[in-house]
C-alpha atoms as a PDB file:
ATOM      1  CA  MET A   1      17.088 -16.903 -44.587  1.00  0.00           C
ATOM      2  CA  LEU A   2      14.419 -14.861 -46.274  1.00  0.00           C
ATOM      3  CA  ASN A   3      15.500 -11.362 -47.240  1.00  0.00           C
ATOM      4  CA  SER A   4      12.562  -9.053 -47.327  1.00  0.00           C
ATOM      5  CA  ARG A   5      14.303  -6.643 -49.647  1.00  0.00           C
ATOM      6  CA  SER A   6      14.432  -9.310 -52.336  1.00  0.00           C
ATOM      7  CA  GLU A   7      10.717  -8.938 -52.857  1.00  0.00           C
ATOM      8  CA  HIS A   8      10.967  -5.167 -53.316  1.00  0.00           C
ATOM      9  CA  GLY A   9      14.038  -5.014 -55.542  1.00  0.00           C
ATOM     10  CA  ASP A  10      16.317  -2.239 -54.317  1.00  0.00           C
ATOM     11  CA  GLN A  11      13.571  -0.661 -52.223  1.00  0.00           C
ATOM     12  CA  PRO A  12      13.695  -1.136 -48.425  1.00  0.00           C
ATOM     13  CA  LEU A  13      10.683  -2.035 -46.378  1.00  0.00           C
ATOM     14  CA  TYR A  14       9.551   0.599 -43.894  1.00  0.00           C
ATOM     15  CA  SER A  15       8.206  -0.908 -40.677  1.00  0.00           C
ATOM     16  CA  LEU A  16       6.481   0.774 -37.703  1.00  0.00           C
ATOM     17  CA  ALA A  17       8.180  -0.277 -34.470  1.00  0.00           C
ATOM     18  CA  HIS A  18       5.924  -0.908 -31.511  1.00  0.00           C
ATOM     19  CA  LEU A  19       7.737   1.487 -29.144  1.00  0.00           C
ATOM     20  CA  THR A  20       6.644   4.360 -31.371  1.00  0.00           C
ATOM     21  CA  LEU A  21       3.000   3.629 -30.390  1.00  0.00           C
ATOM     22  CA  ILE A  22       3.504   1.489 -27.289  1.00  0.00           C
ATOM     23  CA  GLY A  23       0.020   2.046 -26.043  1.00  0.00           C
ATOM     24  CA  CYS A  24      -1.458   0.202 -28.993  1.00  0.00           C
ATOM     25  CA  THR A  25      -2.106  -3.583 -29.077  1.00  0.00           C
ATOM     26  CA  PRO A  26      -0.427  -5.474 -31.925  1.00  0.00           C
ATOM     27  CA  PRO A  27      -3.583  -5.539 -34.101  1.00  0.00           C
ATOM     28  CA  GLU A  28      -4.092  -1.802 -33.498  1.00  0.00           C
ATOM     29  CA  LEU A  29      -0.507  -1.205 -34.519  1.00  0.00           C
ATOM     30  CA  VAL A  30      -1.103  -3.055 -37.833  1.00  0.00           C
ATOM     31  CA  TYR A  31      -4.160  -1.088 -38.807  1.00  0.00           C
ATOM     32  CA  ILE A  32      -2.555   2.281 -37.914  1.00  0.00           C
ATOM     33  CA  ALA A  33       0.629   1.351 -39.872  1.00  0.00           C
ATOM     34  CA  ALA A  34      -1.411   0.422 -42.888  1.00  0.00           C
ATOM     35  CA  ARG A  35      -3.365   3.695 -42.916  1.00  0.00           C
ATOM     36  CA  ALA A  36      -0.141   5.647 -42.488  1.00  0.00           C
ATOM     37  CA  GLY A  37       1.522   3.990 -45.437  1.00  0.00           C
ATOM     38  CA  TYR A  38       3.990   1.456 -43.919  1.00  0.00           C
ATOM     39  CA  ASP A  39       4.957  -1.847 -45.503  1.00  0.00           C
ATOM     40  CA  ALA A  40       5.396  -3.764 -42.259  1.00  0.00           C
ATOM     41  CA  VAL A  41       5.140  -3.694 -38.469  1.00  0.00           C
ATOM     42  CA  SER A  42       7.562  -4.593 -35.666  1.00  0.00           C
ATOM     43  CA  PRO A  43       5.296  -5.751 -32.827  1.00  0.00           C
ATOM     44  CA  ARG A  44       6.232  -6.350 -29.210  1.00  0.00           C
ATOM     45  CA  PHE A  45       5.318  -9.955 -28.427  1.00  0.00           C
ATOM     46  CA  ILE A  46       7.359 -10.044 -25.152  1.00  0.00           C
ATOM     47  CA  PRO A  47       6.122  -7.117 -23.070  1.00  0.00           C
ATOM     48  CA  MET A  48       8.492  -5.084 -20.895  1.00  0.00           C
ATOM     49  CA  ASN A  49       5.740  -3.756 -18.635  1.00  0.00           C
ATOM     50  CA  VAL A  50       6.961  -0.187 -18.971  1.00  0.00           C
ATOM     51  CA  PRO A  51       4.673   2.787 -18.264  1.00  0.00           C
ATOM     52  CA  GLY A  52       2.077   3.281 -20.979  1.00  0.00           C
ATOM     53  CA  GLU A  53       2.582  -0.145 -22.567  1.00  0.00           C
ATOM     54  CA  PHE A  54      -0.529  -1.967 -23.826  1.00  0.00           C
ATOM     55  CA  SER A  55      -1.997  -4.222 -21.120  1.00  0.00           C
ATOM     56  CA  GLN A  56      -3.371  -7.132 -23.133  1.00  0.00           C
ATOM     57  CA  SER A  57      -1.197 -10.200 -23.522  1.00  0.00           C
ATOM     58  CA  PRO A  58      -0.026 -10.277 -27.165  1.00  0.00           C
ATOM     59  CA  ILE A  59       0.042 -14.096 -27.108  1.00  0.00           C
ATOM     60  CA  ASP A  60      -3.523 -14.409 -25.792  1.00  0.00           C
ATOM     61  CA  LYS A  61      -5.624 -16.409 -28.249  1.00  0.00           C
ATOM     62  CA  SER A  62      -7.963 -13.574 -29.032  1.00  0.00           C
ATOM     63  CA  GLN A  63      -5.079 -11.135 -29.525  1.00  0.00           C
ATOM     64  CA  VAL A  64      -3.252 -13.580 -31.830  1.00  0.00           C
ATOM     65  CA  GLN A  65      -6.346 -14.056 -33.958  1.00  0.00           C
ATOM     66  CA  ALA A  66      -6.918 -10.284 -34.106  1.00  0.00           C
ATOM     67  CA  THR A  67      -3.325  -9.691 -35.155  1.00  0.00           C
ATOM     68  CA  ARG A  68      -3.547 -12.363 -37.797  1.00  0.00           C
ATOM     69  CA  THR A  69      -6.778 -10.885 -39.153  1.00  0.00           C
ATOM     70  CA  ALA A  70      -5.243  -7.379 -39.237  1.00  0.00           C
ATOM     71  CA  LEU A  71      -2.274  -8.602 -41.218  1.00  0.00           C
ATOM     72  CA  GLU A  72      -4.475 -10.519 -43.690  1.00  0.00           C
ATOM     73  CA  THR A  73      -6.781  -7.528 -44.073  1.00  0.00           C
ATOM     74  CA  THR A  74      -4.091  -4.960 -44.672  1.00  0.00           C
ATOM     75  CA  GLY A  75      -1.472  -7.081 -46.461  1.00  0.00           C
ATOM     76  CA  LEU A  76       1.298  -5.805 -44.156  1.00  0.00           C
ATOM     77  CA  LYS A  77       4.233  -7.922 -43.203  1.00  0.00           C
ATOM     78  CA  VAL A  78       5.888  -8.533 -39.828  1.00  0.00           C
ATOM     79  CA  LEU A  79       9.504  -7.480 -40.137  1.00  0.00           C
ATOM     80  CA  ASP A  80      10.716  -8.226 -36.623  1.00  0.00           C
ATOM     81  CA  ILE A  81       9.430  -8.966 -33.106  1.00  0.00           C
ATOM     82  CA  GLU A  82      10.674  -7.934 -29.692  1.00  0.00           C
ATOM     83  CA  LEU A  83      11.957  -7.912 -27.019  1.00  0.00           C
ATOM     84  CA  ALA A  84      14.004 -10.825 -25.704  1.00  0.00           C
ATOM     85  CA  ARG A  85      15.941  -9.467 -22.726  1.00  0.00           C
ATOM     86  CA  ILE A  86      18.927 -11.172 -21.177  1.00  0.00           C
ATOM     87  CA  THR A  87      18.611 -10.792 -17.385  1.00  0.00           C
ATOM     88  CA  GLU A  88      20.303 -12.638 -14.530  1.00  0.00           C
ATOM     89  CA  ASP A  89      17.495 -15.159 -14.249  1.00  0.00           C
ATOM     90  CA  CYS A  90      16.900 -15.406 -17.963  1.00  0.00           C
ATOM     91  CA  ASP A  91      15.692 -18.764 -19.374  1.00  0.00           C
ATOM     92  CA  PRO A  92      15.781 -18.570 -23.177  1.00  0.00           C
ATOM     93  CA  ARG A  93      12.998 -21.189 -23.322  1.00  0.00           C
ATOM     94  CA  SER A  94      10.615 -18.526 -22.008  1.00  0.00           C
ATOM     95  CA  PHE A  95      10.974 -16.788 -25.369  1.00  0.00           C
ATOM     96  CA  ALA A  96       9.598 -19.820 -27.232  1.00  0.00           C
ATOM     97  CA  PRO A  97       5.924 -18.694 -27.427  1.00  0.00           C
ATOM     98  CA  ALA A  98       6.883 -15.380 -28.950  1.00  0.00           C
ATOM     99  CA  LEU A  99       9.325 -17.003 -31.337  1.00  0.00           C
ATOM    100  CA  GLU A 100       6.677 -19.455 -32.468  1.00  0.00           C
ATOM    101  CA  LEU A 101       4.084 -16.721 -32.954  1.00  0.00           C
ATOM    102  CA  GLY A 102       6.566 -14.523 -34.842  1.00  0.00           C
ATOM    103  CA  GLY A 103       7.531 -17.337 -37.103  1.00  0.00           C
ATOM    104  CA  ASN A 104       3.900 -18.279 -37.809  1.00  0.00           C
ATOM    105  CA  LEU A 105       3.130 -14.667 -38.715  1.00  0.00           C
ATOM    106  CA  GLY A 106       6.069 -14.481 -41.119  1.00  0.00           C
ATOM    107  CA  ALA A 107       8.479 -12.411 -39.030  1.00  0.00           C
ATOM    108  CA  GLU A 108      12.138 -12.538 -39.985  1.00  0.00           C
ATOM    109  CA  ARG A 109      13.928 -11.132 -36.940  1.00  0.00           C
ATOM    110  CA  MET A 110      13.850 -11.144 -33.121  1.00  0.00           C
ATOM    111  CA  ILE A 111      15.442  -8.290 -31.223  1.00  0.00           C
ATOM    112  CA  MET A 112      17.553  -9.096 -28.132  1.00  0.00           C
ATOM    113  CA  SER A 113      19.338  -6.875 -25.654  1.00  0.00           C
ATOM    114  CA  ALA A 114      21.218  -7.480 -22.380  1.00  0.00           C
ATOM    115  CA  TRP A 115      20.120  -6.049 -18.996  1.00  0.00           C
ATOM    116  CA  THR A 116      22.323  -7.822 -16.492  1.00  0.00           C
ATOM    117  CA  ASN A 117      24.241  -5.853 -13.829  1.00  0.00           C
ATOM    118  CA  SER A 118      27.613  -7.568 -13.779  1.00  0.00           C
ATOM    119  CA  ARG A 119      30.545  -6.629 -16.063  1.00  0.00           C
ATOM    120  CA  ASP A 120      31.939 -10.120 -15.598  1.00  0.00           C
ATOM    121  CA  ASP A 121      29.170 -12.174 -17.206  1.00  0.00           C
ATOM    122  CA  ARG A 122      30.370 -12.395 -20.806  1.00  0.00           C
ATOM    123  CA  ASN A 123      30.196 -16.226 -20.926  1.00  0.00           C
ATOM    124  CA  PHE A 124      26.625 -16.135 -19.577  1.00  0.00           C
ATOM    125  CA  LEU A 125      25.585 -13.548 -22.236  1.00  0.00           C
ATOM    126  CA  VAL A 126      27.189 -15.651 -24.959  1.00  0.00           C
ATOM    127  CA  ASP A 127      25.457 -18.810 -23.792  1.00  0.00           C
ATOM    128  CA  VAL A 128      21.971 -17.221 -23.503  1.00  0.00           C
ATOM    129  CA  TYR A 129      22.360 -15.476 -26.885  1.00  0.00           C
ATOM    130  CA  ALA A 130      23.535 -18.704 -28.547  1.00  0.00           C
ATOM    131  CA  GLU A 131      20.667 -20.749 -27.095  1.00  0.00           C
ATOM    132  CA  THR A 132      18.165 -18.125 -28.225  1.00  0.00           C
ATOM    133  CA  CYS A 133      19.528 -18.300 -31.753  1.00  0.00           C
ATOM    134  CA  ASP A 134      19.106 -22.085 -31.648  1.00  0.00           C
ATOM    135  CA  LEU A 135      15.505 -21.748 -30.455  1.00  0.00           C
ATOM    136  CA  ALA A 136      14.753 -19.148 -33.144  1.00  0.00           C
ATOM    137  CA  ALA A 137      16.278 -21.036 -36.076  1.00  0.00           C
ATOM    138  CA  PRO A 138      13.404 -23.509 -36.696  1.00  0.00           C
ATOM    139  CA  TYR A 139      11.069 -20.530 -37.152  1.00  0.00           C
ATOM    140  CA  GLY A 140      13.311 -18.844 -39.728  1.00  0.00           C
ATOM    141  CA  LEU A 141      14.201 -15.998 -37.371  1.00  0.00           C
ATOM    142  CA  THR A 142      17.496 -14.195 -36.906  1.00  0.00           C
ATOM    143  CA  VAL A 143      18.319 -12.901 -33.386  1.00  0.00           C
ATOM    144  CA  ASP A 144      19.593  -9.330 -33.742  1.00  0.00           C
ATOM    145  CA  LEU A 145      21.510  -8.127 -30.679  1.00  0.00           C
ATOM    146  CA  GLU A 146      21.014  -4.430 -29.857  1.00  0.00           C
ATOM    147  CA  PHE A 147      23.261  -2.146 -27.754  1.00  0.00           C
ATOM    148  CA  PRO A 148      21.086   0.474 -25.936  1.00  0.00           C
ATOM    149  CA  SER A 149      23.495   2.948 -24.331  1.00  0.00           C
ATOM    150  CA  PHE A 150      21.968   2.388 -20.913  1.00  0.00           C
ATOM    151  CA  SER A 151      22.027  -1.429 -21.021  1.00  0.00           C
ATOM    152  CA  ARG A 152      24.699  -4.058 -20.250  1.00  0.00           C
ATOM    153  CA  LEU A 153      26.025  -3.921 -23.813  1.00  0.00           C
ATOM    154  CA  ARG A 154      26.595  -0.229 -24.613  1.00  0.00           C
ATOM    155  CA  THR A 155      28.743  -0.189 -27.730  1.00  0.00           C
ATOM    156  CA  LEU A 156      28.852  -1.767 -31.144  1.00  0.00           C
ATOM    157  CA  ASP A 157      32.063  -3.575 -30.290  1.00  0.00           C
ATOM    158  CA  GLU A 158      30.542  -5.117 -27.100  1.00  0.00           C
ATOM    159  CA  ALA A 159      27.574  -6.436 -29.023  1.00  0.00           C
ATOM    160  CA  LEU A 160      29.709  -7.702 -31.857  1.00  0.00           C
ATOM    161  CA  ASP A 161      31.944  -9.550 -29.404  1.00  0.00           C
ATOM    162  CA  ILE A 162      28.940 -11.573 -28.047  1.00  0.00           C
ATOM    163  CA  VAL A 163      27.658 -12.329 -31.509  1.00  0.00           C
ATOM    164  CA  ARG A 164      30.988 -13.489 -32.813  1.00  0.00           C
ATOM    165  CA  ALA A 165      31.638 -15.672 -29.746  1.00  0.00           C
ATOM    166  CA  ALA A 166      28.190 -17.332 -30.120  1.00  0.00           C
ATOM    167  CA  ASP A 167      28.955 -18.096 -33.791  1.00  0.00           C
ATOM    168  CA  ARG A 168      25.406 -18.942 -34.963  1.00  0.00           C
ATOM    169  CA  PRO A 169      24.223 -18.800 -38.563  1.00  0.00           C
ATOM    170  CA  ASN A 170      21.133 -16.772 -37.702  1.00  0.00           C
ATOM    171  CA  ALA A 171      23.025 -14.204 -35.615  1.00  0.00           C
ATOM    172  CA  GLY A 172      22.672 -10.443 -36.210  1.00  0.00           C
ATOM    173  CA  ILE A 173      23.496  -7.000 -34.950  1.00  0.00           C
ATOM    174  CA  LEU A 174      20.772  -4.348 -34.691  1.00  0.00           C
ATOM    175  CA  VAL A 175      22.001  -0.795 -35.104  1.00  0.00           C
ATOM    176  CA  ASP A 176      19.693   1.909 -33.684  1.00  0.00           C
ATOM    177  CA  THR A 177      20.693   5.363 -34.989  1.00  0.00           C
ATOM    178  CA  LEU A 178      19.916   6.941 -31.577  1.00  0.00           C
ATOM    179  CA  TYR A 179      22.089   4.496 -29.654  1.00  0.00           C
ATOM    180  CA  LEU A 180      24.836   4.837 -32.228  1.00  0.00           C
ATOM    181  CA  HIS A 181      24.874   8.562 -31.363  1.00  0.00           C
ATOM    182  CA  LEU A 182      24.509   8.157 -27.551  1.00  0.00           C
ATOM    183  CA  SER A 183      27.319   5.572 -27.483  1.00  0.00           C
ATOM    184  CA  ARG A 184      29.594   7.892 -29.451  1.00  0.00           C
ATOM    185  CA  VAL A 185      30.218   5.221 -32.072  1.00  0.00           C
ATOM    186  CA  ASP A 186      32.071   6.530 -35.076  1.00  0.00           C
ATOM    187  CA  ILE A 187      30.063   5.582 -38.168  1.00  0.00           C
ATOM    188  CA  GLY A 188      33.313   4.252 -39.709  1.00  0.00           C
ATOM    189  CA  GLU A 189      33.057   1.387 -37.209  1.00  0.00           C
ATOM    190  CA  LEU A 190      30.017   0.071 -39.196  1.00  0.00           C
ATOM    191  CA  LEU A 191      32.512  -1.045 -41.882  1.00  0.00           C
ATOM    192  CA  HIS A 192      33.975  -3.517 -39.391  1.00  0.00           C
ATOM    193  CA  VAL A 193      30.705  -5.382 -38.995  1.00  0.00           C
ATOM    194  CA  PRO A 194      30.333  -8.349 -41.407  1.00  0.00           C
ATOM    195  CA  PRO A 195      27.507  -7.461 -43.809  1.00  0.00           C
ATOM    196  CA  GLU A 196      25.720 -10.744 -43.198  1.00  0.00           C
ATOM    197  CA  LEU A 197      25.048  -9.657 -39.581  1.00  0.00           C
ATOM    198  CA  LEU A 198      23.232  -6.438 -40.573  1.00  0.00           C
ATOM    199  CA  HIS A 199      19.581  -7.038 -41.378  1.00  0.00           C
ATOM    200  CA  PHE A 200      17.651  -3.887 -40.536  1.00  0.00           C
ATOM    201  CA  LEU A 201      18.047  -0.475 -38.963  1.00  0.00           C
ATOM    202  CA  HIS A 202      16.195   1.273 -36.185  1.00  0.00           C
ATOM    203  CA  ILE A 203      15.472   4.828 -37.196  1.00  0.00           C
ATOM    204  CA  SER A 204      15.070   8.037 -35.120  1.00  0.00           C
ATOM    205  CA  ASP A 205      16.811  11.409 -34.792  1.00  0.00           C
ATOM    206  CA  CYS A 206      17.998  13.511 -31.844  1.00  0.00           C
ATOM    207  CA  LEU A 207      19.747  16.798 -31.057  1.00  0.00           C
ATOM    208  CA  PRO A 208      23.569  16.795 -30.820  1.00  0.00           C
ATOM    209  CA  GLY A 209      23.903  16.870 -27.023  1.00  0.00           C
ATOM    210  CA  ILE A 210      24.344  13.578 -25.226  1.00  0.00           C
ATOM    211  CA  ALA A 211      22.700  13.061 -21.849  1.00  0.00           C
ATOM    212  CA  ASP A 212      25.270  12.571 -19.143  1.00  0.00           C
ATOM    213  CA  THR A 213      23.082  10.320 -16.899  1.00  0.00           C
ATOM    214  CA  ARG A 214      21.414   6.974 -17.455  1.00  0.00           C
ATOM    215  CA  GLU A 215      18.082   8.492 -16.508  1.00  0.00           C
ATOM    216  CA  GLY A 216      18.508  11.184 -19.147  1.00  0.00           C
ATOM    217  CA  MET A 217      19.278   8.643 -21.831  1.00  0.00           C
ATOM    218  CA  ILE A 218      16.267   6.537 -20.879  1.00  0.00           C
ATOM    219  CA  GLN A 219      13.945   9.582 -20.944  1.00  0.00           C
ATOM    220  CA  LEU A 220      15.212  10.550 -24.392  1.00  0.00           C
ATOM    221  CA  ALA A 221      14.994   7.059 -25.791  1.00  0.00           C
ATOM    222  CA  ARG A 222      11.481   6.287 -24.531  1.00  0.00           C
ATOM    223  CA  ASP A 223       9.815   9.669 -24.671  1.00  0.00           C
ATOM    224  CA  ALA A 224      11.526  12.299 -26.845  1.00  0.00           C
ATOM    225  CA  ARG A 225      13.008  11.017 -30.066  1.00  0.00           C
ATOM    226  CA  LEU A 226      12.836  13.296 -33.105  1.00  0.00           C
ATOM    227  CA  TYR A 227      11.708  12.783 -36.704  1.00  0.00           C
ATOM    228  CA  PRO A 228      14.528  12.082 -39.179  1.00  0.00           C
ATOM    229  CA  GLY A 229      15.918  15.361 -40.436  1.00  0.00           C
ATOM    230  CA  GLU A 230      14.994  17.306 -37.297  1.00  0.00           C
ATOM    231  CA  GLY A 231      18.208  16.579 -35.443  1.00  0.00           C
ATOM    232  CA  TRP A 232      21.836  15.856 -35.859  1.00  0.00           C
ATOM    233  CA  ILE A 233      22.204  12.219 -36.884  1.00  0.00           C
ATOM    234  CA  ASP A 234      24.039  11.514 -40.172  1.00  0.00           C
ATOM    235  CA  PHE A 235      21.609   9.100 -41.819  1.00  0.00           C
ATOM    236  CA  THR A 236      23.377   9.331 -45.170  1.00  0.00           C
ATOM    237  CA  GLY A 237      26.676   8.400 -43.682  1.00  0.00           C
ATOM    238  CA  ILE A 238      25.187   5.466 -41.758  1.00  0.00           C
ATOM    239  CA  ILE A 239      23.156   4.049 -44.670  1.00  0.00           C
ATOM    240  CA  GLU A 240      26.079   4.365 -47.059  1.00  0.00           C
ATOM    241  CA  ARG A 241      28.290   2.284 -44.689  1.00  0.00           C
ATOM    242  CA  ILE A 242      25.963  -0.702 -44.213  1.00  0.00           C
ATOM    243  CA  PRO A 243      24.587  -3.160 -46.773  1.00  0.00           C
ATOM    244  CA  PRO A 244      21.065  -2.675 -48.116  1.00  0.00           C
ATOM    245  CA  VAL A 245      18.671  -3.210 -45.240  1.00  0.00           C
ATOM    246  CA  ASP A 246      15.099  -2.552 -44.190  1.00  0.00           C
ATOM    247  CA  TYR A 247      14.082   0.324 -41.844  1.00  0.00           C
ATOM    248  CA  SER A 248      12.102  -0.003 -38.647  1.00  0.00           C
ATOM    249  CA  ILE A 249      11.061   3.419 -37.355  1.00  0.00           C
ATOM    250  CA  GLU A 250      11.281   3.391 -33.548  1.00  0.00           C
ATOM    251  CA  LEU A 251      10.371   6.954 -32.586  1.00  0.00           C
ATOM    252  CA  PRO A 252       8.509   7.387 -29.280  1.00  0.00           C
ATOM    253  CA  ASN A 253       7.722  11.053 -28.553  1.00  0.00           C
ATOM    254  CA  GLN A 254       5.080  11.730 -25.918  1.00  0.00           C
ATOM    255  CA  SER A 255       4.510  15.400 -26.753  1.00  0.00           C
ATOM    256  CA  ARG A 256       3.998  14.599 -30.463  1.00  0.00           C
ATOM    257  CA  LEU A 257       1.563  11.803 -29.542  1.00  0.00           C
ATOM    258  CA  ALA A 258      -0.414  14.144 -27.353  1.00  0.00           C
ATOM    259  CA  GLU A 259      -0.489  16.793 -30.075  1.00  0.00           C
ATOM    260  CA  LEU A 260      -1.080  14.661 -33.162  1.00  0.00           C
ATOM    261  CA  GLY A 261      -2.518  11.315 -32.030  1.00  0.00           C
ATOM    262  CA  PHE A 262      -1.236   7.854 -32.926  1.00  0.00           C
ATOM    263  CA  GLU A 263      -1.933   7.754 -36.678  1.00  0.00           C
ATOM    264  CA  GLU A 264      -0.678  11.230 -37.599  1.00  0.00           C
ATOM    265  CA  HIS A 265       2.485  10.771 -35.502  1.00  0.00           C
ATOM    266  CA  ALA A 266       3.130   7.471 -37.273  1.00  0.00           C
ATOM    267  CA  ARG A 267       2.536   9.090 -40.670  1.00  0.00           C
ATOM    268  CA  ARG A 268       4.933  11.928 -39.924  1.00  0.00           C
ATOM    269  CA  CYS A 269       7.610   9.490 -38.782  1.00  0.00           C
ATOM    270  CA  LEU A 270       7.384   7.761 -42.204  1.00  0.00           C
ATOM    271  CA  ASN A 271       7.153  10.873 -44.272  1.00  0.00           C
ATOM    272  CA  HIS A 272      10.210  12.449 -42.607  1.00  0.00           C
ATOM    273  CA  ALA A 273      12.168   9.261 -43.018  1.00  0.00           C
ATOM    274  CA  LYS A 274      11.431   8.989 -46.720  1.00  0.00           C
ATOM    275  CA  LYS A 275      12.090  12.652 -47.311  1.00  0.00           C
ATOM    276  CA  THR A 276      15.402  12.566 -45.372  1.00  0.00           C
ATOM    277  CA  PHE A 277      17.028   9.417 -46.723  1.00  0.00           C
ATOM    278  CA  GLY A 278      14.582   7.696 -49.041  1.00  0.00           C
ATOM    279  CA  SER A 279      16.958   7.971 -51.999  1.00  0.00           C
ATOM    280  CA  VAL A 280      20.146   7.172 -50.061  1.00  0.00           C
ATOM    281  CA  ARG A 281      21.665   3.785 -50.878  1.00  0.00           C
ATOM    282  CA  SER A 282      24.519   1.679 -49.617  1.00  0.00           C
ATOM    283  CA  LYS A 283      28.031   2.584 -50.807  1.00  0.00           C
ATOM    284  CA  ARG A 284      29.698   0.185 -48.471  1.00  0.00           C
ATOM    285  CA  ARG A 285      31.831  -1.502 -51.083  1.00  0.00           C
ATOM    286  CA  GLU A 286      33.159   1.757 -52.558  1.00  0.00           C
ATOM    287  CA  ILE A 287      33.809   3.296 -49.122  1.00  0.00           C
ATOM    288  CA  SER A 288      35.562   0.108 -47.882  1.00  0.00           C
ATOM    289  CA  GLN A 289      37.862   0.175 -50.943  1.00  0.00           C
ATOM    290  CA  ILE A 290      38.760   3.780 -50.280  1.00  0.00           C
ATOM    291  CA  ALA A 291      39.374   3.091 -46.575  1.00  0.00           C
ATOM    292  CA  ALA A 292      41.619   0.177 -47.470  1.00  0.00           C
END
């Protein structure tokens, strides 16, 4: 499996996640990311049809060609693609067009999350996740399972349980710093995740309070994330407890977009991230030895 960090030595890639600028089409995302100084993009090739999301099909022939041209023109990479959702009527084969497109564009990861309603569907989640991993493997993609705090899998342990049960070589866990906070996960738990499962990190900040309703969490996650360093999240502690990974900045904030516009918002996301934790590096081995 290709490791993007290997091409940059000890320096992580910084990618612009599509949710940050969800109104942009994939090629627009690429051009904005390039002008703002990013190394890569994390486009949404499986739409969620949420308010404000771009309306063009990302797998339409003209959009695919425009995205390919944008990547060739700017030299940016595709770090990961999204979003494969596990629902009650989910057929993993429906993800195939996005997986093929991602693989053809050089992506390395596919994000997956679970949105079923039953708490007794573990076997179903394991089966769908495992099949998606099998479908992604020929394209060189890992499938990184996320645990949004308002989804079916709400904690690191719940996501890790599904990944371990599926037991696929291209499995992964995606840690989002916001969801880590909202799920009240102690950062020490990151040491329990096998390093080979951690490939990249979703970055955003927030204030210390935790919304006590699902609606409140959704509003925060989709509309009001903060730049790194503006809030409460311990980025140093998180980064030191995971192996060296790349960073995808997922930071939707509607008021900042209205004030600054797409490109300046994206630029400030990146500048705050680099200023806040650009020099922080993994100390996982040393911390694990101390903890032992």
